[in-house]
Amino acid sequence: MITGIGSLPFTDVDEAIDLIFNKCPEIPFWPQLPRRSKLENMYVPFLDGVPFFYIDDIGNVYPRVDDGEDWEEFLIHLTEEKVQSFAIRKELIPGFYRLLERIEEIESSVKAVKTQITGPISMAMGIKDKRGLPIIYDDFFFGILKKTINMKARWMVFEIKNRLPSKEVILFFDEPYLVAYGSSYLSLPQDQLISALNEAFYQIDAKIGIHCCGNTDWSLVLRSNADIINYDAYNFLENIFLFREDLERFLERKGTISPGIVPSTDDIKEITQEKIKEILCRFLDEFSKIKPFEKELNILITPSCGLGNLSSEDAKKAMALLANVPKILSEIFDKQ
């Protein structure tokens, strides 16, 4: 199975949806389009309407320390019945709304719908307080952030299931800042970071994934409650297999490894289908050392990261290569 990470380099929403429907009809995803608006970035949409944060006109987010808002009043809205209080405005995620408006065009092919949100660690590392320190080190704002992300995620899942009640939802928490784990920049204990992830995942009616587009200590994510681990297998294919015991436990509880094998950088200009097949064979070889694989292997294949930084033509090439992966897999298994 294949799907995308999220961002695409288009400014026209329907152009992005057309490409997704054409290349990923079984697990379509909604496109984030940062070139359409500076507000369509990895922070603003998922903090929309939260009174504890100030968002300026160019998409910068700051903790609001003097608004007088009552923490208890905020907590009142953290229930399933109040999920609509955390709706994200259409102008901030038009791809999400348009996907649901047009999904009937491919509904018979859809097996699941994939959505995404910035994870609590990366969100809290990217937003700085007035001293320039990431708010992950501020218990008050980090607490608000974790609860907000959980409710925003619940709202997205609610909207998808309201439109497609019989389809599975896959929700990726994007965590690029996990590459800093273990450095002085991100020095919190592992147990505290795992707890933060699990709090953001809490009671969400979806398959939960973590996407990290770089290398990290994979024991951290493998020990979380995530169902899917998506990683940059194009650049760091073998790294996750170094954490054998944690990976074995993850697979034993029916976890899914999701390799990103199509490059999301300028490497896409030179890469060929043969190279994609070589990377996929290497992944399967490493995977088979942990667990014998069968034709119905439980993996989900993606690009190595979002494609928003590519040119339109390069993004289309990346999606075309991704769409050909099921055929490559069939060829590989037919030779077994």
C-alpha atoms as a PDB file:
ATOM      1  CA  MET A   1       0.000   0.000   0.000  1.00  0.00           C
ATOM      2  CA  ILE A   2       1.148   3.546  -0.692  1.00  0.00           C
ATOM      3  CA  THR A   3       0.261   7.043   0.466  1.00  0.00           C
ATOM      4  CA  GLY A   4       1.826  10.492   0.774  1.00  0.00           C
ATOM      5  CA  ILE A   5       3.224  12.489   3.661  1.00  0.00           C
ATOM      6  CA  GLY A   6       1.286  15.718   3.152  1.00  0.00           C
ATOM      7  CA  SER A   7       2.855  18.749   1.520  1.00  0.00           C
ATOM      8  CA  LEU A   8       2.850  19.400  -2.217  1.00  0.00           C
ATOM      9  CA  PRO A   9       4.282  22.379  -4.143  1.00  0.00           C
ATOM     10  CA  PHE A  10       1.073  23.494  -5.856  1.00  0.00           C
ATOM     11  CA  THR A  11      -1.013  26.595  -5.230  1.00  0.00           C
ATOM     12  CA  ASP A  12      -4.155  25.205  -6.834  1.00  0.00           C
ATOM     13  CA  VAL A  13      -5.991  22.847  -4.497  1.00  0.00           C
ATOM     14  CA  ASP A  14      -7.754  20.865  -7.213  1.00  0.00           C
ATOM     15  CA  GLU A  15      -4.494  20.306  -9.099  1.00  0.00           C
ATOM     16  CA  ALA A  16      -3.091  18.717  -5.958  1.00  0.00           C
ATOM     17  CA  ILE A  17      -6.234  16.624  -5.381  1.00  0.00           C
ATOM     18  CA  ASP A  18      -6.211  15.439  -8.997  1.00  0.00           C
ATOM     19  CA  LEU A  19      -2.652  14.154  -8.594  1.00  0.00           C
ATOM     20  CA  ILE A  20      -3.442  12.416  -5.301  1.00  0.00           C
ATOM     21  CA  PHE A  21      -6.573  10.749  -6.662  1.00  0.00           C
ATOM     22  CA  ASN A  22      -4.652   9.568  -9.718  1.00  0.00           C
ATOM     23  CA  LYS A  23      -1.636   8.181  -7.879  1.00  0.00           C
ATOM     24  CA  CYS A  24      -2.964   7.194  -4.428  1.00  0.00           C
ATOM     25  CA  PRO A  25      -6.620   6.197  -4.908  1.00  0.00           C
ATOM     26  CA  GLU A  26      -6.520   3.496  -2.209  1.00  0.00           C
ATOM     27  CA  ILE A  27      -5.129   5.707   0.573  1.00  0.00           C
ATOM     28  CA  PRO A  28      -5.611   9.318  -0.507  1.00  0.00           C
ATOM     29  CA  PHE A  29      -4.254  12.079   1.713  1.00  0.00           C
ATOM     30  CA  TRP A  30      -5.117  15.738   1.945  1.00  0.00           C
ATOM     31  CA  PRO A  31      -2.518  18.119   0.519  1.00  0.00           C
ATOM     32  CA  GLN A  32      -0.877  20.823   2.607  1.00  0.00           C
ATOM     33  CA  LEU A  33       0.083  23.662   0.268  1.00  0.00           C
ATOM     34  CA  PRO A  34       2.559  26.014   1.979  1.00  0.00           C
ATOM     35  CA  ARG A  35       3.220  27.880  -1.282  1.00  0.00           C
ATOM     36  CA  ARG A  36      -0.449  28.795  -1.449  1.00  0.00           C
ATOM     37  CA  SER A  37      -0.258  30.631   1.874  1.00  0.00           C
ATOM     38  CA  LYS A  38       2.374  31.234   4.558  1.00  0.00           C
ATOM     39  CA  LEU A  39      -0.333  30.345   7.070  1.00  0.00           C
ATOM     40  CA  GLU A  40      -0.566  26.807   5.683  1.00  0.00           C
ATOM     41  CA  ASN A  41       2.571  25.739   7.510  1.00  0.00           C
ATOM     42  CA  MET A  42       3.244  23.045  10.120  1.00  0.00           C
ATOM     43  CA  TYR A  43       2.142  25.206  13.067  1.00  0.00           C
ATOM     44  CA  VAL A  44      -0.655  27.654  12.300  1.00  0.00           C
ATOM     45  CA  PRO A  45      -3.504  25.356  11.211  1.00  0.00           C
ATOM     46  CA  PHE A  46      -3.163  23.135  14.256  1.00  0.00           C
ATOM     47  CA  LEU A  47      -3.213  26.021  16.724  1.00  0.00           C
ATOM     48  CA  ASP A  48      -6.045  27.872  15.000  1.00  0.00           C
ATOM     49  CA  GLY A  49      -8.437  29.377  17.520  1.00  0.00           C
ATOM     50  CA  VAL A  50      -6.409  28.427  20.612  1.00  0.00           C
ATOM     51  CA  PRO A  51      -6.368  31.500  22.879  1.00  0.00           C
ATOM     52  CA  PHE A  52      -2.999  30.744  24.465  1.00  0.00           C
ATOM     53  CA  PHE A  53      -1.096  31.407  21.239  1.00  0.00           C
ATOM     54  CA  TYR A  54      -0.706  34.479  19.040  1.00  0.00           C
ATOM     55  CA  ILE A  55      -0.336  34.024  15.262  1.00  0.00           C
ATOM     56  CA  ASP A  56       0.955  36.920  13.158  1.00  0.00           C
ATOM     57  CA  ASP A  57       0.171  37.647   9.508  1.00  0.00           C
ATOM     58  CA  ILE A  58       3.135  35.705   8.127  1.00  0.00           C
ATOM     59  CA  GLY A  59       2.608  32.510  10.077  1.00  0.00           C
ATOM     60  CA  ASN A  60       4.799  32.973  13.130  1.00  0.00           C
ATOM     61  CA  VAL A  61       3.391  31.571  16.374  1.00  0.00           C
ATOM     62  CA  TYR A  62       4.144  32.866  19.872  1.00  0.00           C
ATOM     63  CA  PRO A  63       2.875  31.842  23.311  1.00  0.00           C
ATOM     64  CA  ARG A  64       0.458  34.448  24.636  1.00  0.00           C
ATOM     65  CA  VAL A  65       1.407  35.150  28.221  1.00  0.00           C
ATOM     66  CA  ASP A  66      -0.888  38.071  29.051  1.00  0.00           C
ATOM     67  CA  ASP A  67      -4.286  37.117  27.692  1.00  0.00           C
ATOM     68  CA  GLY A  68      -5.896  36.337  31.055  1.00  0.00           C
ATOM     69  CA  GLU A  69      -7.504  33.157  29.717  1.00  0.00           C
ATOM     70  CA  ASP A  70      -8.612  30.648  32.312  1.00  0.00           C
ATOM     71  CA  TRP A  71      -7.002  27.208  32.133  1.00  0.00           C
ATOM     72  CA  GLU A  72     -10.096  25.602  33.656  1.00  0.00           C
ATOM     73  CA  GLU A  73     -12.291  27.183  30.995  1.00  0.00           C
ATOM     74  CA  PHE A  74     -10.039  25.692  28.324  1.00  0.00           C
ATOM     75  CA  LEU A  75     -10.281  22.244  29.907  1.00  0.00           C
ATOM     76  CA  ILE A  76     -14.082  22.341  29.686  1.00  0.00           C
ATOM     77  CA  HIS A  77     -13.773  21.983  25.913  1.00  0.00           C
ATOM     78  CA  LEU A  78     -11.527  18.905  26.073  1.00  0.00           C
ATOM     79  CA  THR A  79     -14.319  16.361  25.643  1.00  0.00           C
ATOM     80  CA  GLU A  80     -15.619  14.396  22.690  1.00  0.00           C
ATOM     81  CA  GLU A  81     -18.812  16.473  22.721  1.00  0.00           C
ATOM     82  CA  LYS A  82     -16.745  19.647  22.273  1.00  0.00           C
ATOM     83  CA  VAL A  83     -14.659  18.413  19.342  1.00  0.00           C
ATOM     84  CA  GLN A  84     -16.186  20.997  16.985  1.00  0.00           C
ATOM     85  CA  SER A  85     -14.681  23.710  19.197  1.00  0.00           C
ATOM     86  CA  PHE A  86     -11.346  22.622  17.722  1.00  0.00           C
ATOM     87  CA  ALA A  87     -12.349  22.828  14.058  1.00  0.00           C
ATOM     88  CA  ILE A  88      -9.712  24.263  11.722  1.00  0.00           C
ATOM     89  CA  ARG A  89     -10.855  26.997   9.369  1.00  0.00           C
ATOM     90  CA  LYS A  90     -11.163  26.084   5.694  1.00  0.00           C
ATOM     91  CA  GLU A  91      -8.784  28.818   4.559  1.00  0.00           C
ATOM     92  CA  LEU A  92      -5.976  27.226   6.577  1.00  0.00           C
ATOM     93  CA  ILE A  93      -6.416  23.644   5.292  1.00  0.00           C
ATOM     94  CA  PRO A  94      -8.401  23.897   2.047  1.00  0.00           C
ATOM     95  CA  GLY A  95      -6.937  20.587   0.879  1.00  0.00           C
ATOM     96  CA  PHE A  96      -8.603  18.765   3.763  1.00  0.00           C
ATOM     97  CA  TYR A  97     -12.051  20.177   3.004  1.00  0.00           C
ATOM     98  CA  ARG A  98     -11.676  19.735  -0.757  1.00  0.00           C
ATOM     99  CA  LEU A  99     -10.574  16.117  -0.360  1.00  0.00           C
ATOM    100  CA  LEU A 100     -13.773  15.334   1.513  1.00  0.00           C
ATOM    101  CA  GLU A 101     -15.865  17.276  -1.002  1.00  0.00           C
ATOM    102  CA  ARG A 102     -14.434  15.290  -3.926  1.00  0.00           C
ATOM    103  CA  ILE A 103     -13.816  11.892  -2.339  1.00  0.00           C
ATOM    104  CA  GLU A 104     -16.924  10.415  -3.987  1.00  0.00           C
ATOM    105  CA  GLU A 105     -14.993  10.494  -7.284  1.00  0.00           C
ATOM    106  CA  ILE A 106     -12.799   7.602  -6.069  1.00  0.00           C
ATOM    107  CA  GLU A 107     -14.811   6.303  -3.109  1.00  0.00           C
ATOM    108  CA  SER A 108     -15.111   2.771  -4.485  1.00  0.00           C
ATOM    109  CA  SER A 109     -11.300   2.491  -4.564  1.00  0.00           C
ATOM    110  CA  VAL A 110     -10.638   3.982  -1.123  1.00  0.00           C
ATOM    111  CA  LYS A 111      -9.460   1.602   1.594  1.00  0.00           C
ATOM    112  CA  ALA A 112      -8.405   4.289   4.061  1.00  0.00           C
ATOM    113  CA  VAL A 113      -7.980   8.060   4.240  1.00  0.00           C
ATOM    114  CA  LYS A 114      -4.715   9.471   5.521  1.00  0.00           C
ATOM    115  CA  THR A 115      -4.519  12.743   7.430  1.00  0.00           C
ATOM    116  CA  GLN A 116      -1.663  14.426   9.287  1.00  0.00           C
ATOM    117  CA  ILE A 117      -0.890  16.865  12.076  1.00  0.00           C
ATOM    118  CA  THR A 118       2.328  18.247  13.560  1.00  0.00           C
ATOM    119  CA  GLY A 119       3.280  16.182  16.596  1.00  0.00           C
ATOM    120  CA  PRO A 120       3.593  17.610  20.093  1.00  0.00           C
ATOM    121  CA  ILE A 121       7.385  17.408  20.295  1.00  0.00           C
ATOM    122  CA  SER A 122       8.048  19.173  16.995  1.00  0.00           C
ATOM    123  CA  MET A 123       5.330  21.743  17.636  1.00  0.00           C
ATOM    124  CA  ALA A 124       6.761  22.533  21.070  1.00  0.00           C
ATOM    125  CA  MET A 125      10.314  22.683  19.730  1.00  0.00           C
ATOM    126  CA  GLY A 126       9.366  25.011  16.889  1.00  0.00           C
ATOM    127  CA  ILE A 127       7.541  27.587  19.025  1.00  0.00           C
ATOM    128  CA  LYS A 128       9.755  29.779  21.199  1.00  0.00           C
ATOM    129  CA  ASP A 129       8.970  31.854  24.269  1.00  0.00           C
ATOM    130  CA  LYS A 130      10.071  35.470  24.743  1.00  0.00           C
ATOM    131  CA  ARG A 131      13.518  34.258  25.834  1.00  0.00           C
ATOM    132  CA  GLY A 132      13.912  32.267  22.626  1.00  0.00           C
ATOM    133  CA  LEU A 133      13.561  28.924  24.370  1.00  0.00           C
ATOM    134  CA  PRO A 134      11.344  26.148  22.933  1.00  0.00           C
ATOM    135  CA  ILE A 135       8.111  25.875  24.900  1.00  0.00           C
ATOM    136  CA  ILE A 136       8.691  22.152  25.337  1.00  0.00           C
ATOM    137  CA  TYR A 137      10.532  23.262  28.486  1.00  0.00           C
ATOM    138  CA  ASP A 138       7.511  25.198  29.766  1.00  0.00           C
ATOM    139  CA  ASP A 139       5.126  22.803  31.525  1.00  0.00           C
ATOM    140  CA  PHE A 140       2.126  25.120  31.172  1.00  0.00           C
ATOM    141  CA  PHE A 141       2.359  25.739  27.426  1.00  0.00           C
ATOM    142  CA  PHE A 142       3.536  22.221  26.616  1.00  0.00           C
ATOM    143  CA  GLY A 143       0.535  20.882  28.522  1.00  0.00           C
ATOM    144  CA  ILE A 144      -1.837  23.071  26.517  1.00  0.00           C
ATOM    145  CA  LEU A 145      -0.116  22.057  23.297  1.00  0.00           C
ATOM    146  CA  LYS A 146      -0.458  18.309  23.879  1.00  0.00           C
ATOM    147  CA  LYS A 147      -4.171  18.629  24.675  1.00  0.00           C
ATOM    148  CA  THR A 148      -4.781  20.953  21.725  1.00  0.00           C
ATOM    149  CA  ILE A 149      -3.088  18.628  19.251  1.00  0.00           C
ATOM    150  CA  ASN A 150      -5.093  15.699  20.559  1.00  0.00           C
ATOM    151  CA  MET A 151      -8.371  17.574  20.071  1.00  0.00           C
ATOM    152  CA  LYS A 152      -7.432  18.956  16.639  1.00  0.00           C
ATOM    153  CA  ALA A 153      -6.559  15.395  15.595  1.00  0.00           C
ATOM    154  CA  ARG A 154      -9.879  14.099  16.945  1.00  0.00           C
ATOM    155  CA  TRP A 155     -11.684  16.782  14.947  1.00  0.00           C
ATOM    156  CA  MET A 156     -10.006  15.747  11.690  1.00  0.00           C
ATOM    157  CA  VAL A 157     -10.795  12.075  12.295  1.00  0.00           C
ATOM    158  CA  PHE A 158     -14.392  12.967  13.202  1.00  0.00           C
ATOM    159  CA  GLU A 159     -14.833  14.888   9.945  1.00  0.00           C
ATOM    160  CA  ILE A 160     -13.408  12.078   7.827  1.00  0.00           C
ATOM    161  CA  LYS A 161     -15.513   9.397   9.514  1.00  0.00           C
ATOM    162  CA  ASN A 162     -18.589  11.589   9.285  1.00  0.00           C
ATOM    163  CA  ARG A 163     -18.114  11.635   5.509  1.00  0.00           C
ATOM    164  CA  LEU A 164     -16.773   8.070   5.128  1.00  0.00           C
ATOM    165  CA  PRO A 165     -18.008   6.037   8.097  1.00  0.00           C
ATOM    166  CA  SER A 166     -16.968   2.679   6.650  1.00  0.00           C
ATOM    167  CA  LYS A 167     -13.383   3.644   5.847  1.00  0.00           C
ATOM    168  CA  GLU A 168     -10.327   3.397   8.079  1.00  0.00           C
ATOM    169  CA  VAL A 169      -8.488   6.587   9.002  1.00  0.00           C
ATOM    170  CA  ILE A 170      -4.699   6.798   9.200  1.00  0.00           C
ATOM    171  CA  LEU A 171      -3.347   9.747  11.169  1.00  0.00           C
ATOM    172  CA  PHE A 172       0.337  10.660  11.015  1.00  0.00           C
ATOM    173  CA  PHE A 173       1.902  12.828  13.692  1.00  0.00           C
ATOM    174  CA  ASP A 174       4.771  14.580  11.924  1.00  0.00           C
ATOM    175  CA  GLU A 175       7.820  14.741  14.197  1.00  0.00           C
ATOM    176  CA  PRO A 176      10.840  16.107  12.303  1.00  0.00           C
ATOM    177  CA  TYR A 177      12.387  17.491  15.502  1.00  0.00           C
ATOM    178  CA  LEU A 178      12.975  13.968  16.800  1.00  0.00           C
ATOM    179  CA  VAL A 179      16.257  14.096  14.880  1.00  0.00           C
ATOM    180  CA  ALA A 180      17.479  16.388  17.690  1.00  0.00           C
ATOM    181  CA  TYR A 181      16.708  13.872  20.440  1.00  0.00           C
ATOM    182  CA  GLY A 182      19.771  13.193  22.578  1.00  0.00           C
ATOM    183  CA  SER A 183      21.382  16.532  21.792  1.00  0.00           C
ATOM    184  CA  SER A 184      21.535  19.533  24.101  1.00  0.00           C
ATOM    185  CA  TYR A 185      18.755  21.058  22.003  1.00  0.00           C
ATOM    186  CA  LEU A 186      16.271  18.304  22.922  1.00  0.00           C
ATOM    187  CA  SER A 187      17.440  16.932  26.220  1.00  0.00           C
ATOM    188  CA  LEU A 188      14.257  15.731  27.910  1.00  0.00           C
ATOM    189  CA  PRO A 189      14.261  12.113  29.160  1.00  0.00           C
ATOM    190  CA  GLN A 190      12.960   9.479  26.773  1.00  0.00           C
ATOM    191  CA  ASP A 191      10.098   8.456  29.070  1.00  0.00           C
ATOM    192  CA  GLN A 192       8.857  12.051  29.166  1.00  0.00           C
ATOM    193  CA  LEU A 193       8.864  12.315  25.372  1.00  0.00           C
ATOM    194  CA  ILE A 194       7.100   8.958  24.973  1.00  0.00           C
ATOM    195  CA  SER A 195       4.476  10.126  27.465  1.00  0.00           C
ATOM    196  CA  ALA A 196       3.986  13.333  25.452  1.00  0.00           C
ATOM    197  CA  LEU A 197       3.424  11.344  22.267  1.00  0.00           C
ATOM    198  CA  ASN A 198       0.983   8.968  23.932  1.00  0.00           C
ATOM    199  CA  GLU A 199      -0.953  11.856  25.429  1.00  0.00           C
ATOM    200  CA  ALA A 200      -1.376  13.346  21.960  1.00  0.00           C
ATOM    201  CA  PHE A 201      -2.538   9.942  20.621  1.00  0.00           C
ATOM    202  CA  TYR A 202      -5.056   9.416  23.430  1.00  0.00           C
ATOM    203  CA  GLN A 203      -8.460   7.979  22.427  1.00  0.00           C
ATOM    204  CA  ILE A 204      -8.180   8.865  18.742  1.00  0.00           C
ATOM    205  CA  ASP A 205     -10.253   6.532  16.564  1.00  0.00           C
ATOM    206  CA  ALA A 206      -7.617   5.969  13.894  1.00  0.00           C
ATOM    207  CA  LYS A 207      -4.452   4.090  13.051  1.00  0.00           C
ATOM    208  CA  ILE A 208      -1.775   6.301  14.559  1.00  0.00           C
ATOM    209  CA  GLY A 209       1.524   6.867  12.769  1.00  0.00           C
ATOM    210  CA  ILE A 210       4.675   8.809  13.579  1.00  0.00           C
ATOM    211  CA  HIS A 211       6.599  10.346  10.683  1.00  0.00           C
ATOM    212  CA  CYS A 212      10.225  11.357  11.198  1.00  0.00           C
ATOM    213  CA  CYS A 213      12.076  12.482   8.078  1.00  0.00           C
ATOM    214  CA  GLY A 214      15.572  11.945   9.465  1.00  0.00           C
ATOM    215  CA  ASN A 215      17.510   9.686  11.770  1.00  0.00           C
ATOM    216  CA  THR A 216      16.702   9.409  15.472  1.00  0.00           C
ATOM    217  CA  ASP A 217      16.819   7.015  18.398  1.00  0.00           C
ATOM    218  CA  TRP A 218      14.140   4.709  17.035  1.00  0.00           C
ATOM    219  CA  SER A 219      13.604   3.052  20.400  1.00  0.00           C
ATOM    220  CA  LEU A 220      11.711   6.192  21.420  1.00  0.00           C
ATOM    221  CA  VAL A 221       9.046   5.902  18.724  1.00  0.00           C
ATOM    222  CA  LEU A 222       8.945   2.096  18.750  1.00  0.00           C
ATOM    223  CA  ARG A 223       8.123   2.169  22.472  1.00  0.00           C
ATOM    224  CA  SER A 224       5.289   4.656  22.020  1.00  0.00           C
ATOM    225  CA  ASN A 225       1.689   3.615  21.354  1.00  0.00           C
ATOM    226  CA  ALA A 226       1.981   4.353  17.635  1.00  0.00           C
ATOM    227  CA  ASP A 227       0.629   1.769  15.196  1.00  0.00           C
ATOM    228  CA  ILE A 228       2.799   2.887  12.262  1.00  0.00           C
ATOM    229  CA  ILE A 229       6.397   4.124  12.143  1.00  0.00           C
ATOM    230  CA  ASN A 230       7.190   6.079   8.976  1.00  0.00           C
ATOM    231  CA  TYR A 231      10.836   6.889   8.358  1.00  0.00           C
ATOM    232  CA  ASP A 232      13.246   8.115   5.686  1.00  0.00           C
ATOM    233  CA  ALA A 233      14.386   4.803   4.263  1.00  0.00           C
ATOM    234  CA  TYR A 234      15.884   6.507   1.223  1.00  0.00           C
ATOM    235  CA  ASN A 235      18.666   8.066   3.323  1.00  0.00           C
ATOM    236  CA  PHE A 236      18.629   5.936   6.488  1.00  0.00           C
ATOM    237  CA  LEU A 237      17.351   2.530   5.408  1.00  0.00           C
ATOM    238  CA  GLU A 238      19.257   0.300   7.856  1.00  0.00           C
ATOM    239  CA  ASN A 239      19.098   2.512  10.939  1.00  0.00           C
ATOM    240  CA  ILE A 240      15.738   1.403  12.314  1.00  0.00           C
ATOM    241  CA  PHE A 241      16.846  -2.243  12.126  1.00  0.00           C
ATOM    242  CA  LEU A 242      19.646  -1.523  14.596  1.00  0.00           C
ATOM    243  CA  PHE A 243      16.961  -1.385  17.310  1.00  0.00           C
ATOM    244  CA  ARG A 244      16.136  -5.060  16.875  1.00  0.00           C
ATOM    245  CA  GLU A 245      14.527  -5.850  20.231  1.00  0.00           C
ATOM    246  CA  ASP A 246      12.273  -2.801  20.166  1.00  0.00           C
ATOM    247  CA  LEU A 247      11.407  -3.451  16.527  1.00  0.00           C
ATOM    248  CA  GLU A 248      10.535  -7.085  17.250  1.00  0.00           C
ATOM    249  CA  ARG A 249       8.210  -6.041  20.080  1.00  0.00           C
ATOM    250  CA  PHE A 250       6.630  -3.407  17.830  1.00  0.00           C
ATOM    251  CA  LEU A 251       5.961  -5.974  15.104  1.00  0.00           C
ATOM    252  CA  GLU A 252       4.656  -8.507  17.626  1.00  0.00           C
ATOM    253  CA  ARG A 253       1.926  -6.071  18.595  1.00  0.00           C
ATOM    254  CA  LYS A 254       0.974  -5.774  14.893  1.00  0.00           C
ATOM    255  CA  GLY A 255       2.822  -2.513  14.292  1.00  0.00           C
ATOM    256  CA  THR A 256       3.455  -1.408  10.722  1.00  0.00           C
ATOM    257  CA  ILE A 257       6.812  -0.233   9.381  1.00  0.00           C
ATOM    258  CA  SER A 258       6.371   2.441   6.729  1.00  0.00           C
ATOM    259  CA  PRO A 259       9.521   3.128   4.683  1.00  0.00           C
ATOM    260  CA  GLY A 260       9.843   6.376   2.774  1.00  0.00           C
ATOM    261  CA  ILE A 261      11.757   5.182  -0.269  1.00  0.00           C
ATOM    262  CA  VAL A 262      11.036   7.891  -2.867  1.00  0.00           C
ATOM    263  CA  PRO A 263      13.303  10.917  -2.306  1.00  0.00           C
ATOM    264  CA  SER A 264      11.737  14.261  -1.465  1.00  0.00           C
ATOM    265  CA  THR A 265      14.864  16.251  -2.320  1.00  0.00           C
ATOM    266  CA  ASP A 266      16.628  17.145  -5.575  1.00  0.00           C
ATOM    267  CA  ASP A 267      17.754  13.511  -5.769  1.00  0.00           C
ATOM    268  CA  ILE A 268      14.388  12.950  -7.418  1.00  0.00           C
ATOM    269  CA  LYS A 269      15.775  14.493 -10.619  1.00  0.00           C
ATOM    270  CA  GLU A 270      18.174  11.595 -11.169  1.00  0.00           C
ATOM    271  CA  ILE A 271      16.487   8.623  -9.558  1.00  0.00           C
ATOM    272  CA  THR A 272      15.024   5.847 -11.674  1.00  0.00           C
ATOM    273  CA  GLN A 273      12.485   3.109 -11.219  1.00  0.00           C
ATOM    274  CA  GLU A 274      15.358   0.613 -11.104  1.00  0.00           C
ATOM    275  CA  LYS A 275      16.890   2.488  -8.167  1.00  0.00           C
ATOM    276  CA  ILE A 276      13.551   2.494  -6.329  1.00  0.00           C
ATOM    277  CA  LYS A 277      13.358  -1.264  -6.841  1.00  0.00           C
ATOM    278  CA  GLU A 278      16.896  -1.659  -5.467  1.00  0.00           C
ATOM    279  CA  ILE A 279      16.016   0.347  -2.334  1.00  0.00           C
ATOM    280  CA  LEU A 280      12.832  -1.651  -1.838  1.00  0.00           C
ATOM    281  CA  CYS A 281      14.723  -4.951  -2.157  1.00  0.00           C
ATOM    282  CA  ARG A 282      17.252  -3.769   0.415  1.00  0.00           C
ATOM    283  CA  PHE A 283      14.447  -2.855   2.792  1.00  0.00           C
ATOM    284  CA  LEU A 284      12.766  -6.238   2.362  1.00  0.00           C
ATOM    285  CA  ASP A 285      16.077  -7.996   2.919  1.00  0.00           C
ATOM    286  CA  GLU A 286      16.624  -6.126   6.208  1.00  0.00           C
ATOM    287  CA  PHE A 287      13.015  -6.701   7.239  1.00  0.00           C
ATOM    288  CA  SER A 288      13.255 -10.444   6.573  1.00  0.00           C
ATOM    289  CA  LYS A 289      16.082 -10.683   9.122  1.00  0.00           C
ATOM    290  CA  ILE A 290      13.566  -9.606  11.756  1.00  0.00           C
ATOM    291  CA  LYS A 291      10.450 -11.316  10.462  1.00  0.00           C
ATOM    292  CA  PRO A 292       9.840 -13.525   7.395  1.00  0.00           C
ATOM    293  CA  PHE A 293       7.780 -11.620   4.889  1.00  0.00           C
ATOM    294  CA  GLU A 294       4.928 -12.838   2.758  1.00  0.00           C
ATOM    295  CA  LYS A 295       3.157 -11.431  -0.255  1.00  0.00           C
ATOM    296  CA  GLU A 296       0.667  -9.636   1.984  1.00  0.00           C
ATOM    297  CA  LEU A 297       3.446  -7.890   3.891  1.00  0.00           C
ATOM    298  CA  ASN A 298       2.113  -5.317   6.321  1.00  0.00           C
ATOM    299  CA  ILE A 299       4.022  -2.240   5.145  1.00  0.00           C
ATOM    300  CA  LEU A 300       2.959   1.204   3.984  1.00  0.00           C
ATOM    301  CA  ILE A 301       5.264   2.909   1.491  1.00  0.00           C
ATOM    302  CA  THR A 302       5.618   6.680   1.117  1.00  0.00           C
ATOM    303  CA  PRO A 303       8.024   9.358  -0.083  1.00  0.00           C
ATOM    304  CA  SER A 304      10.838  10.070   2.371  1.00  0.00           C
ATOM    305  CA  CYS A 305       9.104  13.307   3.417  1.00  0.00           C
ATOM    306  CA  GLY A 306       6.613  15.847   2.125  1.00  0.00           C
ATOM    307  CA  LEU A 307       7.137  17.037  -1.438  1.00  0.00           C
ATOM    308  CA  GLY A 308       6.384  20.713  -0.810  1.00  0.00           C
ATOM    309  CA  ASN A 309       9.950  21.879  -1.437  1.00  0.00           C
ATOM    310  CA  LEU A 310      10.170  20.322  -4.903  1.00  0.00           C
ATOM    311  CA  SER A 311       9.162  21.850  -8.214  1.00  0.00           C
ATOM    312  CA  SER A 312       5.753  20.833  -9.510  1.00  0.00           C
ATOM    313  CA  GLU A 313       7.314  18.596 -12.147  1.00  0.00           C
ATOM    314  CA  ASP A 314       9.608  16.881  -9.659  1.00  0.00           C
ATOM    315  CA  ALA A 315       6.698  16.319  -7.278  1.00  0.00           C
ATOM    316  CA  LYS A 316       4.728  14.718 -10.098  1.00  0.00           C
ATOM    317  CA  LYS A 317       7.710  12.457 -10.847  1.00  0.00           C
ATOM    318  CA  ALA A 318       7.941  11.456  -7.184  1.00  0.00           C
ATOM    319  CA  MET A 319       4.251  10.596  -7.090  1.00  0.00           C
ATOM    320  CA  ALA A 320       4.542   8.600 -10.316  1.00  0.00           C
ATOM    321  CA  LEU A 321       7.431   6.577  -8.891  1.00  0.00           C
ATOM    322  CA  LEU A 322       5.445   5.997  -5.706  1.00  0.00           C
ATOM    323  CA  ALA A 323       2.417   4.835  -7.691  1.00  0.00           C
ATOM    324  CA  ASN A 324       4.556   2.202  -9.399  1.00  0.00           C
ATOM    325  CA  VAL A 325       5.699   0.614  -6.118  1.00  0.00           C
ATOM    326  CA  PRO A 326       2.830  -1.935  -5.897  1.00  0.00           C
ATOM    327  CA  LYS A 327       3.827  -3.250  -9.324  1.00  0.00           C
ATOM    328  CA  ILE A 328       7.463  -3.505  -8.235  1.00  0.00           C
ATOM    329  CA  LEU A 329       6.429  -5.374  -5.090  1.00  0.00           C
ATOM    330  CA  SER A 330       4.405  -7.847  -7.139  1.00  0.00           C
ATOM    331  CA  GLU A 331       7.412  -8.476  -9.368  1.00  0.00           C
ATOM    332  CA  ILE A 332       9.642  -9.069  -6.346  1.00  0.00           C
ATOM    333  CA  PHE A 333       7.247 -11.495  -4.688  1.00  0.00           C
ATOM    334  CA  ASP A 334       6.544 -13.348  -7.933  1.00  0.00           C
ATOM    335  CA  LYS A 335      10.241 -14.249  -8.020  1.00  0.00           C
ATOM    336  CA  GLN A 336      10.275 -15.635  -4.477  1.00  0.00           C
END
